[in-house]
């Protein structure tokens, strides 16, 4: 794990430890600000990838109420 990833994980742990409820909402941009890192678009994408890896490994759970969009088109006959 590189230093960037470890700073993001440490900031995430700090946010979770300070939370009062059972669920928290985290966006990549706000996590970057909390970690004191640059808010460039590439950094936001890196942070989102770190959060995705944590979710894939089972450390965090992602819940979304947004409908998934598909680029494929369905034609009716």
C-alpha atoms as a PDB file:
ATOM      1  CA  UNK A   1       0.000   0.000   0.000  1.00  0.00           C
ATOM      2  CA  UNK A   2       1.467   3.321  -0.971  1.00  0.00           C
ATOM      3  CA  UNK A   3       1.505   6.433   1.173  1.00  0.00           C
ATOM      4  CA  UNK A   4      -1.463   7.996  -0.632  1.00  0.00           C
ATOM      5  CA  UNK A   5      -3.638   4.951   0.063  1.00  0.00           C
ATOM      6  CA  UNK A   6      -2.575   4.828   3.700  1.00  0.00           C
ATOM      7  CA  UNK A   7      -3.464   8.510   4.211  1.00  0.00           C
ATOM      8  CA  UNK A   8      -6.915   7.875   2.754  1.00  0.00           C
ATOM      9  CA  UNK A   9      -7.438   4.801   4.943  1.00  0.00           C
ATOM     10  CA  UNK A  10      -6.286   6.673   8.065  1.00  0.00           C
ATOM     11  CA  UNK A  11      -8.683   9.530   7.294  1.00  0.00           C
ATOM     12  CA  UNK A  12     -11.491   7.030   6.763  1.00  0.00           C
ATOM     13  CA  UNK A  13     -10.757   5.334  10.090  1.00  0.00           C
ATOM     14  CA  UNK A  14     -10.754   8.723  11.807  1.00  0.00           C
ATOM     15  CA  UNK A  15     -14.101   9.644  10.243  1.00  0.00           C
ATOM     16  CA  UNK A  16     -15.643   6.330  11.245  1.00  0.00           C
ATOM     17  CA  UNK A  17     -14.355   6.558  14.796  1.00  0.00           C
ATOM     18  CA  UNK A  18     -15.852  10.041  15.200  1.00  0.00           C
ATOM     19  CA  UNK A  19     -19.255   9.068  13.796  1.00  0.00           C
ATOM     20  CA  UNK A  20     -22.192   8.763  16.144  1.00  0.00           C
ATOM     21  CA  UNK A  21     -24.470   6.561  14.080  1.00  0.00           C
ATOM     22  CA  UNK A  22     -24.237   3.175  12.462  1.00  0.00           C
ATOM     23  CA  UNK A  23     -23.965   4.540   8.921  1.00  0.00           C
ATOM     24  CA  UNK A  24     -21.984   7.328   7.404  1.00  0.00           C
ATOM     25  CA  UNK A  25     -21.997   8.794   3.942  1.00  0.00           C
ATOM     26  CA  UNK A  26     -18.604   9.328   2.418  1.00  0.00           C
ATOM     27  CA  UNK A  27     -17.826  10.922  -0.891  1.00  0.00           C
ATOM     28  CA  UNK A  28     -14.362  10.793  -2.388  1.00  0.00           C
ATOM     29  CA  UNK A  29     -14.049  14.578  -2.553  1.00  0.00           C
ATOM     30  CA  UNK A  30     -14.961  15.106   1.103  1.00  0.00           C
ATOM     31  CA  UNK A  31     -12.641  12.297   2.183  1.00  0.00           C
ATOM     32  CA  UNK A  32      -9.808  14.002   0.292  1.00  0.00           C
ATOM     33  CA  UNK A  33     -10.470  17.287   2.086  1.00  0.00           C
ATOM     34  CA  UNK A  34     -10.569  15.530   5.444  1.00  0.00           C
ATOM     35  CA  UNK A  35      -7.256  13.819   4.682  1.00  0.00           C
ATOM     36  CA  UNK A  36      -5.725  17.175   3.755  1.00  0.00           C
ATOM     37  CA  UNK A  37      -4.890  16.101   0.214  1.00  0.00           C
ATOM     38  CA  UNK A  38      -5.231  17.917  -3.086  1.00  0.00           C
ATOM     39  CA  UNK A  39      -8.716  18.015  -4.597  1.00  0.00           C
ATOM     40  CA  UNK A  40      -7.713  17.516  -8.233  1.00  0.00           C
ATOM     41  CA  UNK A  41      -9.915  15.324 -10.373  1.00  0.00           C
ATOM     42  CA  UNK A  42      -7.240  12.644 -10.673  1.00  0.00           C
ATOM     43  CA  UNK A  43      -6.940  12.514  -6.888  1.00  0.00           C
ATOM     44  CA  UNK A  44     -10.704  12.166  -6.536  1.00  0.00           C
ATOM     45  CA  UNK A  45     -10.594   9.197  -8.911  1.00  0.00           C
ATOM     46  CA  UNK A  46      -7.713   7.619  -6.957  1.00  0.00           C
ATOM     47  CA  UNK A  47      -9.680   8.024  -3.741  1.00  0.00           C
ATOM     48  CA  UNK A  48     -12.746   6.447  -5.306  1.00  0.00           C
ATOM     49  CA  UNK A  49     -10.603   3.497  -6.401  1.00  0.00           C
ATOM     50  CA  UNK A  50      -9.269   3.076  -2.858  1.00  0.00           C
ATOM     51  CA  UNK A  51     -12.832   3.085  -1.520  1.00  0.00           C
ATOM     52  CA  UNK A  52     -13.815   0.569  -4.201  1.00  0.00           C
ATOM     53  CA  UNK A  53     -10.970  -1.758  -3.236  1.00  0.00           C
ATOM     54  CA  UNK A  54     -11.967  -1.525   0.421  1.00  0.00           C
ATOM     55  CA  UNK A  55     -15.529  -2.424  -0.562  1.00  0.00           C
ATOM     56  CA  UNK A  56     -14.356  -5.342  -2.726  1.00  0.00           C
ATOM     57  CA  UNK A  57     -12.278  -6.683   0.173  1.00  0.00           C
ATOM     58  CA  UNK A  58     -15.274  -6.400   2.529  1.00  0.00           C
ATOM     59  CA  UNK A  59     -13.971  -3.656   4.815  1.00  0.00           C
ATOM     60  CA  UNK A  60     -16.721  -1.205   3.894  1.00  0.00           C
ATOM     61  CA  UNK A  61     -20.134  -1.713   2.388  1.00  0.00           C
ATOM     62  CA  UNK A  62     -21.464   0.405  -0.415  1.00  0.00           C
ATOM     63  CA  UNK A  63     -25.141   1.147  -0.460  1.00  0.00           C
ATOM     64  CA  UNK A  64     -26.579   3.170  -3.256  1.00  0.00           C
ATOM     65  CA  UNK A  65     -30.118   4.222  -3.896  1.00  0.00           C
ATOM     66  CA  UNK A  66     -29.287   5.538  -7.351  1.00  0.00           C
ATOM     67  CA  UNK A  67     -30.568   3.446 -10.223  1.00  0.00           C
ATOM     68  CA  UNK A  68     -27.860   1.934 -12.355  1.00  0.00           C
ATOM     69  CA  UNK A  69     -27.755   3.305 -15.842  1.00  0.00           C
ATOM     70  CA  UNK A  70     -26.934   1.338 -18.891  1.00  0.00           C
ATOM     71  CA  UNK A  71     -25.571   2.705 -22.129  1.00  0.00           C
ATOM     72  CA  UNK A  72     -27.063  -0.109 -24.133  1.00  0.00           C
ATOM     73  CA  UNK A  73     -30.266   0.625 -25.933  1.00  0.00           C
ATOM     74  CA  UNK A  74     -33.198  -1.689 -25.995  1.00  0.00           C
ATOM     75  CA  UNK A  75     -35.194  -1.694 -29.174  1.00  0.00           C
ATOM     76  CA  UNK A  76     -38.770  -2.821 -29.174  1.00  0.00           C
ATOM     77  CA  UNK A  77     -40.059  -4.675 -32.174  1.00  0.00           C
END
